[in-house]
Amino acid sequence: MPRRLREGRVSIESSGFAGVVLSSGCCTVCIDVVEPRACSFSFYTHRHPRHVPREGLPEGAY
């Protein structure tokens, strides 16, 4: 079950095993989100099946 913290216009929500989604207005930043469908930006801390998209990261990404 995702957990969410909201302060004003900013929200932080857990996603999956270790993912975090930060949202404010129309911008969404995803960190270690396996299915980043509605993310404006996606960041990954390291390559791990539960931390990256199922299709993997693009070539050259780190």
Protein backbone atom coordinates (compact mmCIF):
# COMPACT_ATOMS: atom_id res chain seq x y z
CA MET A 1 0.00 0.00 0.00
CA PRO A 2 1.53 3.34 -1.02
CA ARG A 3 2.12 5.93 1.65
CA ARG A 4 1.72 9.63 0.94
CA LEU A 5 2.87 12.80 2.67
CA ARG A 6 1.44 16.11 1.50
CA GLU A 7 2.59 19.60 2.50
CA GLY A 8 0.96 22.44 0.61
CA ARG A 9 1.29 21.76 -3.12
CA VAL A 10 4.06 19.15 -2.72
CA SER A 11 3.43 15.45 -2.19
CA ILE A 12 5.80 12.54 -1.61
CA GLU A 13 4.47 9.04 -2.24
CA SER A 14 6.04 5.60 -1.99
CA SER A 15 5.86 3.43 -5.11
CA GLY A 16 6.66 -0.26 -5.32
CA PHE A 17 9.59 -1.82 -3.46
CA ALA A 18 11.84 1.25 -3.11
CA GLY A 19 10.36 3.94 -5.34
CA VAL A 20 9.47 7.50 -4.42
CA VAL A 21 7.33 9.94 -6.41
CA LEU A 22 7.64 13.68 -5.72
CA SER A 23 4.89 15.85 -7.21
CA SER A 24 4.21 19.56 -7.33
CA GLY A 25 1.84 21.16 -9.78
CA CYS A 26 2.35 19.59 -13.20
CA CYS A 27 5.87 18.24 -12.47
CA THR A 28 6.50 14.73 -11.19
CA VAL A 29 9.93 13.36 -10.28
CA CYS A 30 10.28 9.59 -9.86
CA ILE A 31 13.18 7.90 -8.07
CA ASP A 32 13.60 4.11 -8.40
CA VAL A 33 10.05 3.72 -9.76
CA VAL A 34 9.66 0.48 -11.73
CA GLU A 35 6.72 1.77 -13.83
CA PRO A 36 7.33 5.53 -14.37
CA ARG A 37 4.26 6.10 -16.60
CA ALA A 38 3.37 9.65 -15.57
CA CYS A 39 6.82 10.91 -14.55
CA SER A 40 8.25 14.17 -15.89
CA PHE A 41 11.72 12.98 -14.83
CA SER A 42 13.00 9.56 -13.72
CA PHE A 43 16.12 8.84 -11.68
CA TYR A 44 17.57 5.48 -10.66
CA THR A 45 20.05 4.96 -7.84
CA HIS A 46 21.42 1.68 -9.21
CA ARG A 47 20.57 -1.21 -11.55
CA HIS A 48 18.41 -3.75 -9.76
CA PRO A 49 15.24 -5.55 -10.96
CA ARG A 50 13.10 -3.90 -8.27
CA HIS A 51 14.58 -0.43 -8.91
CA VAL A 52 14.48 -0.01 -12.72
CA PRO A 53 11.81 -0.40 -15.44
CA ARG A 54 11.16 -3.93 -16.66
CA GLU A 55 12.56 -3.09 -20.12
CA GLY A 56 15.74 -1.80 -18.46
CA LEU A 57 17.47 1.54 -18.70
CA PRO A 58 18.39 3.15 -22.03
CA GLU A 59 21.90 2.42 -23.31
CA GLY A 60 24.41 4.75 -21.68
CA ALA A 61 22.14 5.60 -18.73
CA TYR A 62 23.58 5.42 -15.26
